[in-house]
Protein backbone atom coordinates (compact mmCIF):
# COMPACT_ATOMS: atom_id res chain seq x y z
CA MET A 1 130.29 94.97 88.99
CA LEU A 2 126.87 93.89 87.73
CA LYS A 3 126.25 91.50 84.85
CA ARG A 4 123.04 90.28 83.24
CA ILE A 5 123.05 86.56 82.49
CA ALA A 6 120.58 83.93 81.31
CA VAL A 7 118.89 81.82 83.97
CA LYS A 8 120.37 78.70 82.36
CA ASP A 9 123.84 80.00 83.27
CA ILE A 10 123.28 80.58 86.99
CA LYS A 11 125.35 78.64 89.52
CA LEU A 12 125.50 78.24 93.27
CA GLY A 13 127.76 80.91 94.75
CA MET A 14 126.46 83.73 92.58
CA PHE A 15 125.04 86.84 94.25
CA ILE A 16 121.66 87.66 92.73
CA CYS A 17 120.64 91.30 92.84
CA GLU A 18 117.68 91.51 90.45
CA PHE A 19 115.36 89.32 88.38
CA CYS A 20 114.54 90.56 84.88
CA GLY A 21 110.77 90.42 84.83
CA SER A 22 107.65 90.76 86.89
CA TRP A 23 108.07 89.79 90.53
CA MET A 24 104.97 87.60 90.02
CA GLU A 25 107.04 85.35 87.76
CA HIS A 26 109.41 84.15 90.47
CA PRO A 27 108.94 82.76 93.98
CA PHE A 28 111.16 85.23 95.82
CA TRP A 29 110.10 88.38 97.65
CA LYS A 30 113.64 89.54 98.41
CA THR A 31 115.70 89.73 95.25
CA ARG A 32 119.19 90.41 96.67
CA PHE A 33 120.76 87.29 98.12
CA LEU A 34 123.63 84.85 97.82
CA LEU A 35 122.49 81.77 95.94
CA ASP A 36 123.73 79.01 98.21
CA ASP A 37 120.73 76.70 98.37
CA GLU A 38 120.08 74.00 95.74
CA LYS A 39 116.32 74.38 96.24
CA ASP A 40 116.51 78.09 95.41
CA LEU A 41 118.53 77.30 92.29
CA HIS A 42 115.89 74.87 91.06
CA ALA A 43 113.09 77.32 91.94
CA ILE A 44 114.70 80.02 89.77
CA GLN A 45 115.24 77.60 86.89
CA ALA A 46 111.60 76.51 87.09
CA SER A 47 110.26 80.08 87.18
CA GLY A 48 109.16 82.23 84.25
CA ILE A 49 112.26 84.44 84.52
CA LYS A 50 114.66 84.19 81.58
CA GLU A 51 117.47 86.51 82.75
CA LEU A 52 118.78 88.03 85.97
CA TRP A 53 121.47 90.37 87.27
CA ILE A 54 124.38 89.16 89.38
CA ASP A 55 126.93 91.15 91.37
CA VAL A 56 130.32 89.58 90.71
CA SER A 57 131.88 91.58 93.56
CA GLN A 58 129.77 89.65 96.07
CA GLY A 59 129.69 86.22 94.46
CA ILE A 60 131.27 84.13 91.74
CA ASP A 61 131.45 85.45 88.18
CA ALA A 62 129.70 84.05 85.11
CA SER A 63 131.76 81.62 83.08
CA ASP A 64 133.45 82.81 79.90
CA ALA A 65 130.99 80.80 77.87
CA ALA A 66 128.01 82.59 79.39
CA ALA A 67 126.56 85.40 77.26
CA ALA A 68 126.79 87.96 80.06
CA LYS A 69 126.12 91.65 79.40
CA THR A 70 127.32 94.67 81.36
CA GLU A 71 125.10 97.50 82.59
CA ALA A 72 126.37 99.77 79.79
CA GLU A 73 125.53 97.22 77.10
CA VAL A 74 122.04 96.62 78.49
CA ALA A 75 121.41 100.38 78.80
CA GLN A 76 122.48 100.91 75.18
CA GLU A 77 120.09 98.19 73.97
CA ALA A 78 117.21 99.61 75.97
CA GLU A 79 117.83 103.14 74.68
CA ALA A 80 117.86 101.91 71.08
CA LEU A 81 114.58 100.11 71.66
CA LEU A 82 112.96 103.20 73.17
CA LEU A 83 114.17 105.50 70.39
CA GLY A 84 112.91 103.11 67.75
CA ALA A 85 109.47 102.68 69.24
CA ASP A 86 106.49 104.54 67.82
CA LYS A 87 104.21 106.44 70.15
CA ALA A 88 101.36 104.04 70.71
CA ALA A 89 97.90 105.07 71.68
CA VAL A 90 96.75 104.03 75.13
CA GLY A 91 95.10 100.65 74.79
CA GLU A 92 91.54 100.00 75.84
CA LYS A 93 90.92 98.62 79.30
CA LEU A 94 90.51 94.90 79.65
CA SER A 95 87.20 93.41 80.74
CA LEU A 96 86.85 92.07 84.27
CA ASP A 97 86.94 88.50 82.96
CA GLU A 98 90.20 89.15 81.12
CA GLU A 99 92.01 90.62 84.15
CA ILE A 100 90.56 88.60 87.01
CA GLN A 101 93.00 85.65 86.87
CA THR A 102 96.04 87.94 86.78
CA ALA A 103 94.59 90.02 89.62
CA ALA A 104 93.94 86.90 91.70
CA LYS A 105 97.54 85.77 91.29
CA LEU A 106 98.74 89.27 92.16
CA CYS A 107 96.61 89.34 95.33
CA ALA A 108 98.07 86.04 96.50
CA LYS A 109 101.67 87.10 95.98
CA ALA A 110 101.01 90.59 97.35
CA LYS A 111 99.73 89.08 100.59
CA GLU A 112 102.93 87.04 101.00
CA ALA A 113 105.04 90.11 100.27
CA VAL A 114 103.26 92.33 102.77
CA ILE A 115 103.35 89.63 105.46
CA GLU A 116 107.12 89.47 105.05
CA MET A 117 107.41 93.26 104.96
CA PHE A 118 105.46 93.61 108.22
CA SER A 119 107.39 90.76 109.78
CA ASP A 120 110.70 92.43 108.92
CA ALA A 121 109.52 95.72 110.41
CA ARG A 122 108.21 93.99 113.54
CA MET A 123 111.57 92.27 114.07
CA GLY A 124 113.51 95.48 113.54
CA ARG A 125 114.88 94.38 110.18
CA ALA A 126 114.94 96.69 107.17
CA ILE A 127 111.98 96.32 104.81
CA GLN A 128 112.86 95.96 101.14
CA VAL A 129 111.77 99.37 99.83
CA GLU A 130 112.65 98.67 96.21
CA GLN A 131 110.70 95.43 96.25
CA ALA A 132 107.76 97.29 97.82
CA ARG A 133 107.89 99.79 94.98
CA ALA A 134 107.98 96.92 92.48
CA LEU A 135 104.82 95.58 94.10
CA VAL A 136 103.17 99.00 93.74
CA GLU A 137 104.13 99.00 90.06
CA GLU A 138 102.46 95.63 89.51
CA ILE A 139 99.32 96.79 91.31
CA SER A 140 99.34 100.02 89.31
CA ASN A 141 99.52 98.12 86.02
CA SER A 142 96.64 95.84 86.99
CA VAL A 143 94.50 98.80 88.03
CA LEU A 144 95.30 100.53 84.74
CA ARG A 145 94.23 97.47 82.73
CA GLN A 146 91.00 96.96 84.72
CA PRO A 147 90.57 98.91 87.99
CA HIS A 148 87.78 96.84 89.47
CA ALA A 149 89.36 93.38 89.25
CA LEU A 150 92.08 93.73 91.88
CA ILE A 151 90.14 96.24 94.00
CA SER A 152 87.17 93.88 94.24
CA LEU A 153 89.26 90.76 94.86
CA ALA A 154 91.29 92.45 97.59
CA ARG A 155 88.02 93.05 99.43
CA LEU A 156 87.46 89.27 99.72
CA LYS A 157 89.94 88.70 102.52
CA ASN A 158 89.57 86.51 105.56
CA ALA A 159 89.46 88.15 108.96
CA ASP A 160 92.84 86.70 109.92
CA GLU A 161 94.60 88.22 106.89
CA TYR A 162 92.96 91.64 107.16
CA THR A 163 96.03 93.56 108.37
CA TYR A 164 98.05 92.49 105.33
CA MET A 165 95.48 92.52 102.53
CA HIS A 166 94.14 95.84 103.80
CA SER A 167 97.47 97.40 102.81
CA VAL A 168 97.20 95.87 99.33
CA ALA A 169 93.60 97.04 98.92
CA VAL A 170 94.33 100.60 100.05
CA CYS A 171 97.31 100.71 97.68
CA ALA A 172 95.06 99.77 94.74
CA LEU A 173 92.30 102.16 95.80
CA MET A 174 94.75 105.04 96.18
CA ILE A 175 96.10 104.41 92.68
CA ALA A 176 92.64 104.29 91.12
CA LEU A 177 91.47 107.37 93.02
CA ALA A 178 94.60 109.34 92.10
CA ARG A 179 93.95 108.62 88.42
CA GLN A 180 90.32 109.66 88.82
CA LEU A 181 91.59 112.97 90.23
CA ASN A 182 93.91 113.37 87.19
CA ILE A 183 97.02 113.38 89.38
CA ASP A 184 100.38 113.15 87.63
CA GLU A 185 101.30 109.50 86.93
CA GLU A 186 104.50 109.64 89.00
CA MET A 187 102.45 110.79 91.98
CA VAL A 188 99.87 108.10 91.25
CA ARG A 189 102.51 105.50 92.07
CA GLU A 190 103.64 107.48 95.10
CA ALA A 191 100.03 107.51 96.30
CA GLY A 192 99.99 103.73 95.89
CA PHE A 193 103.23 103.45 97.85
CA ALA A 194 101.68 105.56 100.61
CA GLY A 195 98.65 103.26 100.61
CA LEU A 196 100.85 100.18 100.91
CA LEU A 197 102.72 101.61 103.92
CA HIS A 198 99.91 103.59 105.58
CA ASP A 199 99.32 100.99 108.32
CA LEU A 200 102.95 100.01 108.92
CA GLY A 201 102.61 101.29 112.48
CA LYS A 202 100.38 98.32 113.29
CA VAL A 203 103.58 96.28 113.67
CA GLY A 204 103.87 98.04 117.02
CA ILE A 205 100.43 96.88 118.16
CA PRO A 206 100.19 93.50 119.94
CA MET A 207 98.51 90.90 117.72
CA LYS A 208 96.13 89.94 120.51
CA VAL A 209 94.81 93.51 120.42
CA LEU A 210 94.68 93.79 116.62
CA ASN A 211 92.82 90.48 116.30
CA LYS A 212 90.70 90.72 119.43
CA PRO A 213 87.25 89.32 118.58
CA GLY A 214 85.42 91.50 121.10
CA LYS A 215 85.16 95.17 121.95
CA LEU A 216 88.41 96.91 122.79
CA THR A 217 88.91 98.46 126.21
CA ASP A 218 89.70 102.18 126.33
CA ALA A 219 93.34 101.34 127.02
CA GLU A 220 93.49 98.93 124.06
CA PHE A 221 91.82 101.47 121.79
CA SER A 222 94.41 104.06 122.79
CA VAL A 223 97.14 101.60 121.82
CA VAL A 224 95.50 101.01 118.42
CA LYS A 225 95.16 104.76 117.85
CA SER A 226 98.91 105.13 118.29
CA HIS A 227 99.65 103.27 115.05
CA PRO A 228 99.85 106.34 112.74
CA GLU A 229 102.57 107.91 114.90
CA VAL A 230 104.36 104.57 115.31
CA GLY A 231 104.34 104.05 111.55
CA ALA A 232 105.52 107.57 110.76
CA ARG A 233 108.34 107.20 113.29
CA ILE A 234 109.47 103.88 111.74
CA LEU A 235 109.49 105.43 108.27
CA MET A 236 111.17 108.65 109.34
CA GLU A 237 113.93 106.94 111.31
CA ASN A 238 114.72 104.12 108.92
CA TYR A 239 113.70 104.90 105.36
CA ASP A 240 114.11 107.57 102.73
CA VAL A 241 110.45 108.07 101.82
CA SER A 242 108.77 111.23 100.59
CA PRO A 243 107.02 113.70 102.91
CA MET A 244 103.75 112.71 101.23
CA VAL A 245 104.13 109.04 102.20
CA LEU A 246 104.90 110.08 105.78
CA ASP A 247 101.90 112.41 105.78
CA VAL A 248 99.46 109.70 104.64
CA CYS A 249 100.86 107.28 107.22
CA LEU A 250 100.47 109.86 109.98
CA HIS A 251 97.17 111.51 109.00
CA HIS A 252 94.91 108.94 107.28
CA HIS A 253 92.65 108.93 110.37
CA GLU A 254 92.09 112.69 110.42
CA LYS A 255 88.54 113.94 109.69
CA MET A 256 87.28 117.11 108.05
CA ASP A 257 85.45 118.22 111.21
CA GLY A 258 88.59 117.94 113.36
CA THR A 259 87.48 114.89 115.34
CA GLY A 260 90.09 112.55 113.89
CA TYR A 261 93.50 111.55 115.23
CA PRO A 262 96.37 111.86 116.05
CA HIS A 263 96.43 115.67 115.64
CA GLY A 264 92.79 116.67 115.24
CA LEU A 265 93.48 118.39 111.93
CA LYS A 266 90.52 120.13 110.32
CA GLY A 267 89.43 121.01 106.79
CA ASP A 268 92.18 122.08 104.45
CA THR A 269 94.88 121.66 107.07
CA ILE A 270 94.62 118.00 105.97
CA SER A 271 96.55 117.34 102.75
CA LEU A 272 94.88 116.03 99.59
CA PHE A 273 96.67 112.69 99.83
CA ALA A 274 95.77 112.23 103.50
CA LYS A 275 92.13 112.97 102.57
CA MET A 276 92.40 110.30 99.88
CA GLY A 277 93.96 107.88 102.36
CA ALA A 278 91.09 108.46 104.79
CA VAL A 279 88.44 107.51 102.20
CA CYS A 280 90.31 104.48 100.86
CA ASP A 281 91.15 103.21 104.36
CA VAL A 282 87.57 103.43 105.59
CA TYR A 283 86.01 101.85 102.49
CA ASP A 284 88.22 98.79 102.66
CA ALA A 285 87.87 98.53 106.44
CA ILE A 286 84.07 98.49 106.45
CA THR A 287 83.73 96.14 103.48
CA SER A 288 86.13 93.59 105.01
CA ASN A 289 85.44 90.79 107.46
CA ARG A 290 87.21 91.48 110.75
CA PRO A 291 87.71 89.30 113.83
CA TYR A 292 84.93 91.23 115.57
CA LYS A 293 82.50 91.99 112.69
CA LYS A 294 81.35 90.91 109.25
CA GLY A 295 82.02 93.39 106.47
CA TRP A 296 79.21 95.39 104.94
CA ALA A 297 78.19 94.88 101.32
CA PRO A 298 80.06 97.28 98.99
CA ALA A 299 76.99 99.25 97.86
CA ASP A 300 75.80 99.61 101.47
CA SER A 301 79.27 100.82 102.43
CA ILE A 302 79.25 103.55 99.79
CA ARG A 303 75.84 104.66 101.01
CA LYS A 304 76.96 104.69 104.64
CA MET A 305 80.07 106.67 103.75
CA ALA A 306 77.91 109.18 101.92
CA GLU A 307 76.00 109.62 105.12
CA TRP A 308 79.19 110.40 107.04
CA SER A 309 80.81 112.36 104.26
CA LYS A 310 80.08 115.91 105.42
CA GLY A 311 82.10 115.79 108.63
CA HIS A 312 84.33 112.83 107.86
CA PHE A 313 85.55 113.15 104.27
CA ASP A 314 86.45 115.91 101.84
CA GLU A 315 83.39 116.18 99.58
CA ALA A 316 85.28 116.45 96.28
CA VAL A 317 87.57 113.55 97.17
CA PHE A 318 84.63 111.39 98.21
CA GLN A 319 82.72 112.13 94.99
CA ALA A 320 85.81 111.18 92.98
CA PHE A 321 86.03 107.98 95.03
CA VAL A 322 82.42 107.10 94.19
CA LYS A 323 83.24 107.58 90.51
CA THR A 324 86.21 105.29 91.05
CA VAL A 325 84.42 102.31 92.61
CA GLY A 326 80.86 103.01 91.49
CA ILE A 327 77.58 103.74 93.23
CA TYR A 328 77.03 99.99 93.02
CA PRO A 329 80.60 98.63 93.26
CA THR A 330 81.53 95.37 91.54
CA GLY A 331 80.16 92.50 93.61
CA SER A 332 77.09 94.42 94.84
CA LEU A 333 73.76 92.60 95.05
CA VAL A 334 70.97 94.66 93.49
CA ARG A 335 67.25 94.31 92.72
CA LEU A 336 66.03 95.19 89.25
CA GLU A 337 62.69 96.71 88.32
CA SER A 338 61.85 93.41 86.60
CA GLY A 339 61.91 91.66 89.99
CA ARG A 340 65.17 89.86 89.33
CA LEU A 341 68.21 89.92 91.62
CA ALA A 342 71.60 90.52 90.06
CA VAL A 343 75.23 90.97 91.00
CA VAL A 344 77.22 93.87 89.53
CA VAL A 345 80.03 92.58 87.32
CA GLU A 346 81.26 95.67 85.45
CA GLN A 347 81.11 99.44 85.85
CA ASN A 348 79.93 101.82 83.13
CA GLU A 349 82.28 104.81 83.14
CA HIS A 350 79.60 106.94 81.44
CA SER A 351 76.78 106.10 83.87
CA LEU A 352 77.33 104.97 87.46
CA LEU A 353 73.64 104.04 87.73
CA ASN A 354 73.78 101.61 84.81
CA PRO A 355 76.52 99.03 85.38
CA THR A 356 76.67 95.63 83.73
CA VAL A 357 74.99 93.02 85.94
CA LYS A 358 74.47 89.27 86.01
CA VAL A 359 70.88 88.23 86.84
CA PHE A 360 70.53 84.88 88.60
CA PHE A 361 67.50 84.86 90.94
CA SER A 362 63.83 85.83 90.96
CA ALA A 363 62.73 87.90 93.96
CA LYS A 364 59.12 87.05 93.08
CA THR A 365 59.36 83.26 92.97
CA LYS A 366 62.41 83.09 95.27
CA MET A 367 63.98 80.63 92.86
CA PRO A 368 67.17 80.65 90.77
CA ILE A 369 66.80 81.64 87.13
CA ILE A 370 69.00 81.20 84.07
CA GLN A 371 72.02 83.42 84.50
CA GLU A 372 72.30 86.26 82.01
CA THR A 373 74.65 89.24 81.77
CA LEU A 374 72.89 92.54 81.05
CA ASP A 375 74.30 95.93 80.09
CA LEU A 376 71.79 98.16 81.85
CA ALA A 377 72.95 101.20 79.84
CA ALA A 378 71.69 99.42 76.71
CA LEU A 379 68.38 98.55 78.39
CA LYS A 380 67.23 102.07 79.27
CA GLY A 381 63.47 102.06 79.67
CA LYS A 382 63.37 98.25 79.84
CA ASP A 383 65.02 97.46 83.18
CA LYS A 384 66.99 99.25 85.87
CA ILE A 385 68.30 98.98 89.41
CA ILE A 386 65.71 99.96 91.99
CA GLY A 387 67.60 99.11 95.17
CA ARG A 388 70.43 97.41 97.04
CA GLU A 389 69.95 94.00 98.65
CA SER A 390 71.78 92.21 101.45
CA PRO A 391 73.22 88.79 100.53
CA ASP A 392 72.69 87.68 104.14
CA ASP A 393 68.96 88.43 103.93
CA TRP A 394 68.71 86.02 101.01
CA GLY A 395 71.14 83.44 102.35
CA PHE A 396 73.46 83.69 99.35
CA LYS A 397 76.81 82.08 100.16
CA ASN A 398 78.54 82.04 96.77
CA LEU A 399 77.75 85.51 95.47
CA ASP A 400 81.39 86.37 94.82
CA MET A 401 81.74 83.43 92.45
CA LEU A 402 79.10 84.96 90.20
CA TRP A 403 81.09 88.09 89.39
CA SER A 404 84.64 86.77 89.83
CA GLY A 405 84.28 83.31 88.31
CA LEU A 406 86.73 82.10 90.97
CA GLY A 407 85.96 79.13 93.18
């Protein structure tokens, strides 16, 4: 029997089965466990969680004095709240500045969660599917509030954390792309779940191969190319996931011209969601630092992908992806007609060519200038982007601080 109790009433010996609140508010990835450690008790009491569910059949019951509620009582309260609520209009999106701190916290916790998920799979232990879905929900909410905050932050991963943060980034990109394609909201979350699990098969690849700093041998490359089938097999044999999630895991490396793997699918024999997975996977891969290469700048990556698009990606899906991240994605270094260099800080949903930028450097004098944020859409005829620039060519080391505000 389950009961919901206040955190102040928890005791050692209780079996916790769910925290009432965002998983970002507590320090635990797994939420079903016997509370038998004093440190865990103090960690829960110090968290932002106010209530939690316990299973009295697997641990001690709440005391008579505790204001515990049964599932039926909680369900009745929730139903009354829903029936009494007015239909609210969808709120406006937050600005990048407003969402960036939340997104940064989410990225940090998401990395820990995915590391544990991959570790469980590698050791043959069951991954916590419900907790993975809760993670997808948190990512989905952040992307809904401000799509470019989490997507852009997830790109800023170190080479040694690529395998894990890549899953988080592809999850966020799949969610944003699915919404751009006007896919049903339930399937938006399923697309995010597919993105989170798409590389699960890499648990079957030796770490020394995954993180090899040099060129892979043909034999090593063959091992790496086995990861879609390994991942699909793990999911199929151990978890009740949808055919779509399996399909994305298995076919996110297929290409429109039939030169992809593992099955050499071509054109419309590749599903819509696998086509989406292919675009999201490649974008995050080429913009990320890897053990063997430095990531490309986001705007350069979009341009390079456009060059490959005809044989590699579905054209309609790729165009929707460009609308999702921008022609000049957040964090891109650009040159303005005025001779100033700027970093893109916000997208303009009505004009991909006119994002909001922060100017900070003069290309003419090669000196820093007073930083100023400009809405290029409001400056038509006065200033505009005339080209992409490489941060490495200019020796800029702290470019990401300009748009993120994070040290």
